[in-house]
Amino acid sequence: FRLMWPQLLSQETGYYTLEYAPTDDLAR
């Protein structure tokens, strides 16, 4: 799937960390 989000940062002001896991196995 494609995730979309509003522009919060710019190239200069930081980066995003994206975390994802199956809800029934958050250890993965």
mmCIF file of all heavy atoms, coordinates in Angstrom:
data_MODEL
# 
_entry.id   MODEL 
# 
loop_
_atom_site.group_PDB 
_atom_site.id 
_atom_site.type_symbol 
_atom_site.label_atom_id 
_atom_site.label_alt_id 
_atom_site.label_comp_id 
_atom_site.label_asym_id 
_atom_site.label_entity_id 
_atom_site.label_seq_id 
_atom_site.pdbx_PDB_ins_code 
_atom_site.Cartn_x 
_atom_site.Cartn_y 
_atom_site.Cartn_z 
_atom_site.occupancy 
_atom_site.B_iso_or_equiv 
_atom_site.pdbx_formal_charge 
_atom_site.auth_seq_id 
_atom_site.auth_comp_id 
_atom_site.auth_asym_id 
_atom_site.auth_atom_id 
_atom_site.pdbx_PDB_model_num 
ATOM 1   N N   . PHE A 1 1  ? 0.857  -1.187  0.000  1.00 0.00 ? 1  PHE A N   1 
ATOM 2   C CA  . PHE A 1 1  ? 0.000  0.000   0.000  1.00 0.00 ? 1  PHE A CA  1 
ATOM 3   C C   . PHE A 1 1  ? 0.890  1.233   0.000  1.00 0.00 ? 1  PHE A C   1 
ATOM 4   O O   . PHE A 1 1  ? 2.076  1.160   0.306  1.00 0.00 ? 1  PHE A O   1 
ATOM 5   C CB  . PHE A 1 1  ? -1.000 0.029   1.169  1.00 0.00 ? 1  PHE A CB  1 
ATOM 6   C CG  . PHE A 1 1  ? -0.412 -0.192  2.540  1.00 0.00 ? 1  PHE A CG  1 
ATOM 7   C CD1 . PHE A 1 1  ? 0.230  0.838   3.225  1.00 0.00 ? 1  PHE A CD1 1 
ATOM 8   C CD2 . PHE A 1 1  ? -0.534 -1.430  3.165  1.00 0.00 ? 1  PHE A CD2 1 
ATOM 9   C CE1 . PHE A 1 1  ? 0.748  0.637   4.502  1.00 0.00 ? 1  PHE A CE1 1 
ATOM 10  C CE2 . PHE A 1 1  ? -0.016 -1.641  4.435  1.00 0.00 ? 1  PHE A CE2 1 
ATOM 11  C CZ  . PHE A 1 1  ? 0.627  -0.605  5.102  1.00 0.00 ? 1  PHE A CZ  1 
ATOM 12  N N   . ARG A 1 2  ? 0.275  2.348   -0.420 1.00 0.00 ? 2  ARG A N   1 
ATOM 13  C CA  . ARG A 1 2  ? 0.998  3.623   -0.431 1.00 0.00 ? 2  ARG A CA  1 
ATOM 14  C C   . ARG A 1 2  ? 0.499  4.467   0.725  1.00 0.00 ? 2  ARG A C   1 
ATOM 15  O O   . ARG A 1 2  ? -0.699 4.649   0.896  1.00 0.00 ? 2  ARG A O   1 
ATOM 16  C CB  . ARG A 1 2  ? 0.754  4.362   -1.753 1.00 0.00 ? 2  ARG A CB  1 
ATOM 17  C CG  . ARG A 1 2  ? 1.405  5.753   -1.785 1.00 0.00 ? 2  ARG A CG  1 
ATOM 18  C CD  . ARG A 1 2  ? 1.108  6.494   -3.075 1.00 0.00 ? 2  ARG A CD  1 
ATOM 19  N NE  . ARG A 1 2  ? 1.825  5.936   -4.195 1.00 0.00 ? 2  ARG A NE  1 
ATOM 20  C CZ  . ARG A 1 2  ? 3.116  6.198   -4.462 1.00 0.00 ? 2  ARG A CZ  1 
ATOM 21  N NH1 . ARG A 1 2  ? 3.816  7.000   -3.680 1.00 0.00 ? 2  ARG A NH1 1 
ATOM 22  N NH2 . ARG A 1 2  ? 3.689  5.668   -5.515 1.00 0.00 ? 2  ARG A NH2 1 
ATOM 23  N N   . LEU A 1 3  ? 1.430  4.948   1.533  1.00 0.00 ? 3  LEU A N   1 
ATOM 24  C CA  . LEU A 1 3  ? 1.080  5.849   2.632  1.00 0.00 ? 3  LEU A CA  1 
ATOM 25  C C   . LEU A 1 3  ? 1.221  7.286   2.156  1.00 0.00 ? 3  LEU A C   1 
ATOM 26  O O   . LEU A 1 3  ? 2.163  7.614   1.446  1.00 0.00 ? 3  LEU A O   1 
ATOM 27  C CB  . LEU A 1 3  ? 2.033  5.626   3.812  1.00 0.00 ? 3  LEU A CB  1 
ATOM 28  C CG  . LEU A 1 3  ? 1.819  4.300   4.535  1.00 0.00 ? 3  LEU A CG  1 
ATOM 29  C CD1 . LEU A 1 3  ? 3.032  3.981   5.390  1.00 0.00 ? 3  LEU A CD1 1 
ATOM 30  C CD2 . LEU A 1 3  ? 0.558  4.351   5.377  1.00 0.00 ? 3  LEU A CD2 1 
ATOM 31  N N   . MET A 1 4  ? 0.263  8.120   2.552  1.00 0.00 ? 4  MET A N   1 
ATOM 32  C CA  . MET A 1 4  ? 0.313  9.547   2.224  1.00 0.00 ? 4  MET A CA  1 
ATOM 33  C C   . MET A 1 4  ? 0.216  10.326  3.526  1.00 0.00 ? 4  MET A C   1 
ATOM 34  O O   . MET A 1 4  ? -0.504 9.918   4.429  1.00 0.00 ? 4  MET A O   1 
ATOM 35  C CB  . MET A 1 4  ? -0.888 9.949   1.356  1.00 0.00 ? 4  MET A CB  1 
ATOM 36  C CG  . MET A 1 4  ? -1.179 9.032   0.208  1.00 0.00 ? 4  MET A CG  1 
ATOM 37  S SD  . MET A 1 4  ? -0.245 9.419   -1.258 1.00 0.00 ? 4  MET A SD  1 
ATOM 38  C CE  . MET A 1 4  ? -0.997 10.959  -1.755 1.00 0.00 ? 4  MET A CE  1 
ATOM 39  N N   . TRP A 1 5  ? 0.910  11.452  3.594  1.00 0.00 ? 5  TRP A N   1 
ATOM 40  C CA  . TRP A 1 5  ? 0.808  12.292  4.781  1.00 0.00 ? 5  TRP A CA  1 
ATOM 41  C C   . TRP A 1 5  ? 1.040  13.745  4.394  1.00 0.00 ? 5  TRP A C   1 
ATOM 42  O O   . TRP A 1 5  ? 1.614  14.038  3.343  1.00 0.00 ? 5  TRP A O   1 
ATOM 43  C CB  . TRP A 1 5  ? 1.791  11.826  5.869  1.00 0.00 ? 5  TRP A CB  1 
ATOM 44  C CG  . TRP A 1 5  ? 3.243  11.868  5.473  1.00 0.00 ? 5  TRP A CG  1 
ATOM 45  C CD1 . TRP A 1 5  ? 4.097  12.929  5.564  1.00 0.00 ? 5  TRP A CD1 1 
ATOM 46  C CD2 . TRP A 1 5  ? 4.019  10.790  4.923  1.00 0.00 ? 5  TRP A CD2 1 
ATOM 47  N NE1 . TRP A 1 5  ? 5.336  12.576  5.109  1.00 0.00 ? 5  TRP A NE1 1 
ATOM 48  C CE2 . TRP A 1 5  ? 5.326  11.273  4.720  1.00 0.00 ? 5  TRP A CE2 1 
ATOM 49  C CE3 . TRP A 1 5  ? 3.727  9.453   4.589  1.00 0.00 ? 5  TRP A CE3 1 
ATOM 50  C CZ2 . TRP A 1 5  ? 6.347  10.482  4.186  1.00 0.00 ? 5  TRP A CZ2 1 
ATOM 51  C CZ3 . TRP A 1 5  ? 4.738  8.678   4.069  1.00 0.00 ? 5  TRP A CZ3 1 
ATOM 52  C CH2 . TRP A 1 5  ? 6.033  9.184   3.873  1.00 0.00 ? 5  TRP A CH2 1 
ATOM 53  N N   . PRO A 1 6  ? 0.590  14.687  5.256  1.00 0.00 ? 6  PRO A N   1 
ATOM 54  C CA  . PRO A 1 6  ? 0.799  16.107  4.930  1.00 0.00 ? 6  PRO A CA  1 
ATOM 55  C C   . PRO A 1 6  ? 2.275  16.485  5.039  1.00 0.00 ? 6  PRO A C   1 
ATOM 56  O O   . PRO A 1 6  ? 3.039  15.825  5.743  1.00 0.00 ? 6  PRO A O   1 
ATOM 57  C CB  . PRO A 1 6  ? -0.044 16.840  5.974  1.00 0.00 ? 6  PRO A CB  1 
ATOM 58  C CG  . PRO A 1 6  ? -0.264 15.866  7.073  1.00 0.00 ? 6  PRO A CG  1 
ATOM 59  C CD  . PRO A 1 6  ? -0.181 14.491  6.490  1.00 0.00 ? 6  PRO A CD  1 
ATOM 60  N N   . GLN A 1 7  ? 2.643  17.530  4.341  1.00 0.00 ? 7  GLN A N   1 
ATOM 61  C CA  . GLN A 1 7  ? 4.029  18.011  4.383  1.00 0.00 ? 7  GLN A CA  1 
ATOM 62  C C   . GLN A 1 7  ? 4.262  18.672  5.743  1.00 0.00 ? 7  GLN A C   1 
ATOM 63  O O   . GLN A 1 7  ? 3.742  19.747  6.023  1.00 0.00 ? 7  GLN A O   1 
ATOM 64  C CB  . GLN A 1 7  ? 4.220  19.053  3.271  1.00 0.00 ? 7  GLN A CB  1 
ATOM 65  C CG  . GLN A 1 7  ? 5.575  19.721  3.279  1.00 0.00 ? 7  GLN A CG  1 
ATOM 66  C CD  . GLN A 1 7  ? 6.527  19.106  2.263  1.00 0.00 ? 7  GLN A CD  1 
ATOM 67  O OE1 . GLN A 1 7  ? 6.180  18.923  1.114  1.00 0.00 ? 7  GLN A OE1 1 
ATOM 68  N NE2 . GLN A 1 7  ? 7.720  18.801  2.703  1.00 0.00 ? 7  GLN A NE2 1 
ATOM 69  N N   . LEU A 1 8  ? 5.025  17.992  6.611  1.00 0.00 ? 8  LEU A N   1 
ATOM 70  C CA  . LEU A 1 8  ? 5.307  18.546  7.939  1.00 0.00 ? 8  LEU A CA  1 
ATOM 71  C C   . LEU A 1 8  ? 6.720  19.098  7.989  1.00 0.00 ? 8  LEU A C   1 
ATOM 72  O O   . LEU A 1 8  ? 6.989  20.090  8.653  1.00 0.00 ? 8  LEU A O   1 
ATOM 73  C CB  . LEU A 1 8  ? 5.158  17.455  9.010  1.00 0.00 ? 8  LEU A CB  1 
ATOM 74  C CG  . LEU A 1 8  ? 3.786  16.794  9.112  1.00 0.00 ? 8  LEU A CG  1 
ATOM 75  C CD1 . LEU A 1 8  ? 3.828  15.637  10.080 1.00 0.00 ? 8  LEU A CD1 1 
ATOM 76  C CD2 . LEU A 1 8  ? 2.744  17.810  9.541  1.00 0.00 ? 8  LEU A CD2 1 
ATOM 77  N N   . LEU A 1 9  ? 7.615  18.407  7.282  1.00 0.00 ? 9  LEU A N   1 
ATOM 78  C CA  . LEU A 1 9  ? 9.030  18.778  7.311  1.00 0.00 ? 9  LEU A CA  1 
ATOM 79  C C   . LEU A 1 9  ? 9.452  19.206  5.919  1.00 0.00 ? 9  LEU A C   1 
ATOM 80  O O   . LEU A 1 9  ? 8.690  19.117  4.971  1.00 0.00 ? 9  LEU A O   1 
ATOM 81  C CB  . LEU A 1 9  ? 9.878  17.558  7.726  1.00 0.00 ? 9  LEU A CB  1 
ATOM 82  C CG  . LEU A 1 9  ? 9.482  16.843  9.013  1.00 0.00 ? 9  LEU A CG  1 
ATOM 83  C CD1 . LEU A 1 9  ? 10.300 15.576  9.171  1.00 0.00 ? 9  LEU A CD1 1 
ATOM 84  C CD2 . LEU A 1 9  ? 9.693  17.749  10.210 1.00 0.00 ? 9  LEU A CD2 1 
ATOM 85  N N   . SER A 1 10 ? 10.691 19.635  5.795  1.00 0.00 ? 10 SER A N   1 
ATOM 86  C CA  . SER A 1 10 ? 11.267 19.850  4.468  1.00 0.00 ? 10 SER A CA  1 
ATOM 87  C C   . SER A 1 10 ? 12.594 19.110  4.446  1.00 0.00 ? 10 SER A C   1 
ATOM 88  O O   . SER A 1 10 ? 13.024 18.558  5.459  1.00 0.00 ? 10 SER A O   1 
ATOM 89  C CB  . SER A 1 10 ? 11.490 21.343  4.209  1.00 0.00 ? 10 SER A CB  1 
ATOM 90  O OG  . SER A 1 10 ? 12.526 21.798  5.061  1.00 0.00 ? 10 SER A OG  1 
ATOM 91  N N   . GLN A 1 11 ? 13.243 19.106  3.294  1.00 0.00 ? 11 GLN A N   1 
ATOM 92  C CA  . GLN A 1 11 ? 14.535 18.437  3.146  1.00 0.00 ? 11 GLN A CA  1 
ATOM 93  C C   . GLN A 1 11 ? 15.500 18.910  4.239  1.00 0.00 ? 11 GLN A C   1 
ATOM 94  O O   . GLN A 1 11 ? 16.283 18.144  4.768  1.00 0.00 ? 11 GLN A O   1 
ATOM 95  C CB  . GLN A 1 11 ? 15.106 18.798  1.762  1.00 0.00 ? 11 GLN A CB  1 
ATOM 96  C CG  . GLN A 1 11 ? 16.311 17.988  1.352  1.00 0.00 ? 11 GLN A CG  1 
ATOM 97  C CD  . GLN A 1 11 ? 15.939 16.624  0.787  1.00 0.00 ? 11 GLN A CD  1 
ATOM 98  O OE1 . GLN A 1 11 ? 15.044 16.519  -0.019 1.00 0.00 ? 11 GLN A OE1 1 
ATOM 99  N NE2 . GLN A 1 11 ? 16.621 15.602  1.245  1.00 0.00 ? 11 GLN A NE2 1 
ATOM 100 N N   . GLU A 1 12 ? 15.417 20.189  4.617  1.00 0.00 ? 12 GLU A N   1 
ATOM 101 C CA  . GLU A 1 12 ? 16.382 20.788  5.543  1.00 0.00 ? 12 GLU A CA  1 
ATOM 102 C C   . GLU A 1 12 ? 16.018 20.556  7.008  1.00 0.00 ? 12 GLU A C   1 
ATOM 103 O O   . GLU A 1 12 ? 16.900 20.561  7.864  1.00 0.00 ? 12 GLU A O   1 
ATOM 104 C CB  . GLU A 1 12 ? 16.471 22.315  5.322  1.00 0.00 ? 12 GLU A CB  1 
ATOM 105 C CG  . GLU A 1 12 ? 17.094 22.741  4.010  1.00 0.00 ? 12 GLU A CG  1 
ATOM 106 C CD  . GLU A 1 12 ? 16.171 22.533  2.809  1.00 0.00 ? 12 GLU A CD  1 
ATOM 107 O OE1 . GLU A 1 12 ? 15.003 22.953  2.881  1.00 0.00 ? 12 GLU A OE1 1 
ATOM 108 O OE2 . GLU A 1 12 ? 16.623 21.931  1.816  1.00 0.00 ? 12 GLU A OE2 1 
ATOM 109 N N   . THR A 1 13 ? 14.708 20.408  7.295  1.00 0.00 ? 13 THR A N   1 
ATOM 110 C CA  . THR A 1 13 ? 14.321 20.447  8.707  1.00 0.00 ? 13 THR A CA  1 
ATOM 111 C C   . THR A 1 13 ? 14.214 19.084  9.367  1.00 0.00 ? 13 THR A C   1 
ATOM 112 O O   . THR A 1 13 ? 13.804 18.996  10.518 1.00 0.00 ? 13 THR A O   1 
ATOM 113 C CB  . THR A 1 13 ? 12.977 21.178  8.886  1.00 0.00 ? 13 THR A CB  1 
ATOM 114 O OG1 . THR A 1 13 ? 11.986 20.503  8.106  1.00 0.00 ? 13 THR A OG1 1 
ATOM 115 C CG2 . THR A 1 13 ? 13.072 22.620  8.459  1.00 0.00 ? 13 THR A CG2 1 
ATOM 116 N N   . GLY A 1 14 ? 14.533 18.002  8.651  1.00 0.00 ? 14 GLY A N   1 
ATOM 117 C CA  . GLY A 1 14 ? 14.498 16.716  9.334  1.00 0.00 ? 14 GLY A CA  1 
ATOM 118 C C   . GLY A 1 14 ? 14.135 15.583  8.411  1.00 0.00 ? 14 GLY A C   1 
ATOM 119 O O   . GLY A 1 14 ? 14.188 15.698  7.194  1.00 0.00 ? 14 GLY A O   1 
ATOM 120 N N   . TYR A 1 15 ? 13.741 14.470  9.007  1.00 0.00 ? 15 TYR A N   1 
ATOM 121 C CA  . TYR A 1 15 ? 13.375 13.275  8.246  1.00 0.00 ? 15 TYR A CA  1 
ATOM 122 C C   . TYR A 1 15 ? 12.264 12.560  8.999  1.00 0.00 ? 15 TYR A C   1 
ATOM 123 O O   . TYR A 1 15 ? 11.923 12.928  10.127 1.00 0.00 ? 15 TYR A O   1 
ATOM 124 C CB  . TYR A 1 15 ? 14.603 12.354  8.053  1.00 0.00 ? 15 TYR A CB  1 
ATOM 125 C CG  . TYR A 1 15 ? 15.193 11.831  9.337  1.00 0.00 ? 15 TYR A CG  1 
ATOM 126 C CD1 . TYR A 1 15 ? 14.780 10.598  9.868  1.00 0.00 ? 15 TYR A CD1 1 
ATOM 127 C CD2 . TYR A 1 15 ? 16.145 12.562  10.049 1.00 0.00 ? 15 TYR A CD2 1 
ATOM 128 C CE1 . TYR A 1 15 ? 15.303 10.121  11.061 1.00 0.00 ? 15 TYR A CE1 1 
ATOM 129 C CE2 . TYR A 1 15 ? 16.670 12.091  11.237 1.00 0.00 ? 15 TYR A CE2 1 
ATOM 130 C CZ  . TYR A 1 15 ? 16.245 10.871  11.739 1.00 0.00 ? 15 TYR A CZ  1 
ATOM 131 O OH  . TYR A 1 15 ? 16.757 10.400  12.914 1.00 0.00 ? 15 TYR A OH  1 
ATOM 132 N N   . TYR A 1 16 ? 11.695 11.550  8.346  1.00 0.00 ? 16 TYR A N   1 
ATOM 133 C CA  . TYR A 1 16 ? 10.644 10.753  8.974  1.00 0.00 ? 16 TYR A CA  1 
ATOM 134 C C   . TYR A 1 16 ? 11.156 9.352   9.267  1.00 0.00 ? 16 TYR A C   1 
ATOM 135 O O   . TYR A 1 16 ? 11.880 8.784   8.461  1.00 0.00 ? 16 TYR A O   1 
ATOM 136 C CB  . TYR A 1 16 ? 9.439  10.602  8.041  1.00 0.00 ? 16 TYR A CB  1 
ATOM 137 C CG  . TYR A 1 16 ? 8.781  11.903  7.663  1.00 0.00 ? 16 TYR A CG  1 
ATOM 138 C CD1 . TYR A 1 16 ? 9.057  12.501  6.436  1.00 0.00 ? 16 TYR A CD1 1 
ATOM 139 C CD2 . TYR A 1 16 ? 7.868  12.517  8.511  1.00 0.00 ? 16 TYR A CD2 1 
ATOM 140 C CE1 . TYR A 1 16 ? 8.436  13.686  6.067  1.00 0.00 ? 16 TYR A CE1 1 
ATOM 141 C CE2 . TYR A 1 16 ? 7.245  13.706  8.154  1.00 0.00 ? 16 TYR A CE2 1 
ATOM 142 C CZ  . TYR A 1 16 ? 7.534  14.293  6.926  1.00 0.00 ? 16 TYR A CZ  1 
ATOM 143 O OH  . TYR A 1 16 ? 6.928  15.459  6.576  1.00 0.00 ? 16 TYR A OH  1 
ATOM 144 N N   . THR A 1 17 ? 10.761 8.836   10.427 1.00 0.00 ? 17 THR A N   1 
ATOM 145 C CA  . THR A 1 17 ? 10.963 7.413   10.693 1.00 0.00 ? 17 THR A CA  1 
ATOM 146 C C   . THR A 1 17 ? 9.593  6.764   10.584 1.00 0.00 ? 17 THR A C   1 
ATOM 147 O O   . THR A 1 17 ? 8.621  7.230   11.187 1.00 0.00 ? 17 THR A O   1 
ATOM 148 C CB  . THR A 1 17 ? 11.535 7.184   12.104 1.00 0.00 ? 17 THR A CB  1 
ATOM 149 O OG1 . THR A 1 17 ? 12.802 7.822   12.175 1.00 0.00 ? 17 THR A OG1 1 
ATOM 150 C CG2 . THR A 1 17 ? 11.707 5.688   12.375 1.00 0.00 ? 17 THR A CG2 1 
ATOM 151 N N   . LEU A 1 18 ? 9.535  5.710   9.787  1.00 0.00 ? 18 LEU A N   1 
ATOM 152 C CA  . LEU A 1 18 ? 8.281  5.009   9.587  1.00 0.00 ? 18 LEU A CA  1 
ATOM 153 C C   . LEU A 1 18 ? 8.417  3.620   10.187 1.00 0.00 ? 18 LEU A C   1 
ATOM 154 O O   . LEU A 1 18 ? 9.359  2.901   9.875  1.00 0.00 ? 18 LEU A O   1 
ATOM 155 C CB  . LEU A 1 18 ? 8.010  4.906   8.088  1.00 0.00 ? 18 LEU A CB  1 
ATOM 156 C CG  . LEU A 1 18 ? 6.615  4.437   7.746  1.00 0.00 ? 18 LEU A CG  1 
ATOM 157 C CD1 . LEU A 1 18 ? 5.663  5.607   7.811  1.00 0.00 ? 18 LEU A CD1 1 
ATOM 158 C CD2 . LEU A 1 18 ? 6.603  3.840   6.366  1.00 0.00 ? 18 LEU A CD2 1 
ATOM 159 N N   . GLU A 1 19 ? 7.494  3.278   11.073 1.00 0.00 ? 19 GLU A N   1 
ATOM 160 C CA  . GLU A 1 19 ? 7.511  1.948   11.691 1.00 0.00 ? 19 GLU A CA  1 
ATOM 161 C C   . GLU A 1 19 ? 6.215  1.249   11.328 1.00 0.00 ? 19 GLU A C   1 
ATOM 162 O O   . GLU A 1 19 ? 5.151  1.854   11.367 1.00 0.00 ? 19 GLU A O   1 
ATOM 163 C CB  . GLU A 1 19 ? 7.593  2.062   13.214 1.00 0.00 ? 19 GLU A CB  1 
ATOM 164 C CG  . GLU A 1 19 ? 8.855  2.749   13.683 1.00 0.00 ? 19 GLU A CG  1 
ATOM 165 C CD  . GLU A 1 19 ? 8.921  2.884   15.202 1.00 0.00 ? 19 GLU A CD  1 
ATOM 166 O OE1 . GLU A 1 19 ? 7.875  2.733   15.876 1.00 0.00 ? 19 GLU A OE1 1 
ATOM 167 O OE2 . GLU A 1 19 ? 10.028 3.160   15.685 1.00 0.00 ? 19 GLU A OE2 1 
ATOM 168 N N   . TYR A 1 20 ? 6.323  -0.035  10.967 1.00 0.00 ? 20 TYR A N   1 
ATOM 169 C CA  . TYR A 1 20 ? 5.096  -0.774  10.668 1.00 0.00 ? 20 TYR A CA  1 
ATOM 170 C C   . TYR A 1 20 ? 5.265  -2.233  11.051 1.00 0.00 ? 20 TYR A C   1 
ATOM 171 O O   . TYR A 1 20 ? 6.358  -2.781  11.003 1.00 0.00 ? 20 TYR A O   1 
ATOM 172 C CB  . TYR A 1 20 ? 4.706  -0.637  9.194  1.00 0.00 ? 20 TYR A CB  1 
ATOM 173 C CG  . TYR A 1 20 ? 5.717  -1.143  8.199  1.00 0.00 ? 20 TYR A CG  1 
ATOM 174 C CD1 . TYR A 1 20 ? 5.553  -2.365  7.555  1.00 0.00 ? 20 TYR A CD1 1 
ATOM 175 C CD2 . TYR A 1 20 ? 6.855  -0.392  7.886  1.00 0.00 ? 20 TYR A CD2 1 
ATOM 176 C CE1 . TYR A 1 20 ? 6.485  -2.826  6.633  1.00 0.00 ? 20 TYR A CE1 1 
ATOM 177 C CE2 . TYR A 1 20 ? 7.789  -0.847  6.970  1.00 0.00 ? 20 TYR A CE2 1 
ATOM 178 C CZ  . TYR A 1 20 ? 7.587  -2.070  6.347  1.00 0.00 ? 20 TYR A CZ  1 
ATOM 179 O OH  . TYR A 1 20 ? 8.513  -2.528  5.438  1.00 0.00 ? 20 TYR A OH  1 
ATOM 180 N N   . ALA A 1 21 ? 4.147  -2.819  11.486 1.00 0.00 ? 21 ALA A N   1 
ATOM 181 C CA  . ALA A 1 21 ? 4.159  -4.217  11.927 1.00 0.00 ? 21 ALA A CA  1 
ATOM 182 C C   . ALA A 1 21 ? 2.739  -4.753  11.866 1.00 0.00 ? 21 ALA A C   1 
ATOM 183 O O   . ALA A 1 21 ? 1.780  -3.992  12.021 1.00 0.00 ? 21 ALA A O   1 
ATOM 184 C CB  . ALA A 1 21 ? 4.683  -4.316  13.357 1.00 0.00 ? 21 ALA A CB  1 
ATOM 185 N N   . PRO A 1 22 ? 2.593  -6.079  11.650 1.00 0.00 ? 22 PRO A N   1 
ATOM 186 C CA  . PRO A 1 22 ? 1.247  -6.675  11.733 1.00 0.00 ? 22 PRO A CA  1 
ATOM 187 C C   . PRO A 1 22 ? 0.708  -6.490  13.153 1.00 0.00 ? 22 PRO A C   1 
ATOM 188 O O   . PRO A 1 22 ? 1.452  -6.686  14.115 1.00 0.00 ? 22 PRO A O   1 
ATOM 189 C CB  . PRO A 1 22 ? 1.486  -8.163  11.430 1.00 0.00 ? 22 PRO A CB  1 
ATOM 190 C CG  . PRO A 1 22 ? 2.863  -8.247  10.843 1.00 0.00 ? 22 PRO A CG  1 
ATOM 191 C CD  . PRO A 1 22 ? 3.624  -7.076  11.356 1.00 0.00 ? 22 PRO A CD  1 
ATOM 192 N N   . THR A 1 23 ? -0.562 -6.111  13.301 1.00 0.00 ? 23 THR A N   1 
ATOM 193 C CA  . THR A 1 23 ? -1.113 -5.837  14.636 1.00 0.00 ? 23 THR A CA  1 
ATOM 194 C C   . THR A 1 23 ? -1.064 -7.069  15.532 1.00 0.00 ? 23 THR A C   1 
ATOM 195 O O   . THR A 1 23 ? -0.988 -6.944  16.740 1.00 0.00 ? 23 THR A O   1 
ATOM 196 C CB  . THR A 1 23 ? -2.572 -5.359  14.561 1.00 0.00 ? 23 THR A CB  1 
ATOM 197 O OG1 . THR A 1 23 ? -3.272 -6.230  13.678 1.00 0.00 ? 23 THR A OG1 1 
ATOM 198 C CG2 . THR A 1 23 ? -2.679 -3.959  14.054 1.00 0.00 ? 23 THR A CG2 1 
ATOM 199 N N   . ASP A 1 24 ? -1.101 -8.268  14.931 1.00 0.00 ? 24 ASP A N   1 
ATOM 200 C CA  . ASP A 1 24 ? -1.091 -9.471  15.777 1.00 0.00 ? 24 ASP A CA  1 
ATOM 201 C C   . ASP A 1 24 ? 0.330  -9.960  16.053 1.00 0.00 ? 24 ASP A C   1 
ATOM 202 O O   . ASP A 1 24 ? 0.523  -11.002 16.661 1.00 0.00 ? 24 ASP A O   1 
ATOM 203 C CB  . ASP A 1 24 ? -1.935 -10.581 15.146 1.00 0.00 ? 24 ASP A CB  1 
ATOM 204 C CG  . ASP A 1 24 ? -1.431 -10.931 13.749 1.00 0.00 ? 24 ASP A CG  1 
ATOM 205 O OD1 . ASP A 1 24 ? -0.433 -10.338 13.299 1.00 0.00 ? 24 ASP A OD1 1 
ATOM 206 O OD2 . ASP A 1 24 ? -2.048 -11.801 13.108 1.00 0.00 ? 24 ASP A OD2 1 
ATOM 207 N N   . ASP A 1 25 ? 1.343  -9.225  15.583 1.00 0.00 ? 25 ASP A N   1 
ATOM 208 C CA  . ASP A 1 25 ? 2.722  -9.643  15.814 1.00 0.00 ? 25 ASP A CA  1 
ATOM 209 C C   . ASP A 1 25 ? 3.626  -8.405  15.779 1.00 0.00 ? 25 ASP A C   1 
ATOM 210 O O   . ASP A 1 25 ? 4.457  -8.242  14.888 1.00 0.00 ? 25 ASP A O   1 
ATOM 211 C CB  . ASP A 1 25 ? 3.138  -10.649 14.720 1.00 0.00 ? 25 ASP A CB  1 
ATOM 212 C CG  . ASP A 1 25 ? 4.484  -11.295 15.034 1.00 0.00 ? 25 ASP A CG  1 
ATOM 213 O OD1 . ASP A 1 25 ? 5.064  -10.976 16.092 1.00 0.00 ? 25 ASP A OD1 1 
ATOM 214 O OD2 . ASP A 1 25 ? 4.954  -12.101 14.211 1.00 0.00 ? 25 ASP A OD2 1 
ATOM 215 N N   . LEU A 1 26 ? 3.430  -7.538  16.778 1.00 0.00 ? 26 LEU A N   1 
ATOM 216 C CA  . LEU A 1 26 ? 4.142  -6.247  16.775 1.00 0.00 ? 26 LEU A CA  1 
ATOM 217 C C   . LEU A 1 26 ? 5.652  -6.413  16.924 1.00 0.00 ? 26 LEU A C   1 
ATOM 218 O O   . LEU A 1 26 ? 6.415  -5.505  16.643 1.00 0.00 ? 26 LEU A O   1 
ATOM 219 C CB  . LEU A 1 26 ? 3.578  -5.337  17.869 1.00 0.00 ? 26 LEU A CB  1 
ATOM 220 C CG  . LEU A 1 26 ? 2.122  -4.913  17.602 1.00 0.00 ? 26 LEU A CG  1 
ATOM 221 C CD1 . LEU A 1 26 ? 1.560  -4.151  18.790 1.00 0.00 ? 26 LEU A CD1 1 
ATOM 222 C CD2 . LEU A 1 26 ? 2.014  -4.073  16.348 1.00 0.00 ? 26 LEU A CD2 1 
ATOM 223 N N   . ALA A 1 27 ? 6.086  -7.607  17.356 1.00 0.00 ? 27 ALA A N   1 
ATOM 224 C CA  . ALA A 1 27 ? 7.527  -7.855  17.465 1.00 0.00 ? 27 ALA A CA  1 
ATOM 225 C C   . ALA A 1 27 ? 8.203  -7.865  16.090 1.00 0.00 ? 27 ALA A C   1 
ATOM 226 O O   . ALA A 1 27 ? 9.403  -7.672  15.989 1.00 0.00 ? 27 ALA A O   1 
ATOM 227 C CB  . ALA A 1 27 ? 7.772  -9.189  18.169 1.00 0.00 ? 27 ALA A CB  1 
ATOM 228 N N   . ARG A 1 28 ? 7.397  -8.094  15.031 1.00 0.00 ? 28 ARG A N   1 
ATOM 229 C CA  . ARG A 1 28 ? 7.984  -8.130  13.692 1.00 0.00 ? 28 ARG A CA  1 
ATOM 230 C C   . ARG A 1 28 ? 8.019  -6.725  13.081 1.00 0.00 ? 28 ARG A C   1 
ATOM 231 O O   . ARG A 1 28 ? 7.815  -6.552  11.894 1.00 0.00 ? 28 ARG A O   1 
ATOM 232 C CB  . ARG A 1 28 ? 7.182  -9.066  12.782 1.00 0.00 ? 28 ARG A CB  1 
ATOM 233 C CG  . ARG A 1 28 ? 7.337  -10.508 13.218 1.00 0.00 ? 28 ARG A CG  1 
ATOM 234 C CD  . ARG A 1 28 ? 7.020  -11.556 12.166 1.00 0.00 ? 28 ARG A CD  1 
ATOM 235 N NE  . ARG A 1 28 ? 6.761  -11.110 10.819 1.00 0.00 ? 28 ARG A NE  1 
ATOM 236 C CZ  . ARG A 1 28 ? 5.621  -11.335 10.189 1.00 0.00 ? 28 ARG A CZ  1 
ATOM 237 N NH1 . ARG A 1 28 ? 4.626  -11.947 10.777 1.00 0.00 ? 28 ARG A NH1 1 
ATOM 238 N NH2 . ARG A 1 28 ? 5.473  -10.949 8.944  1.00 0.00 ? 28 ARG A NH2 1 
# 
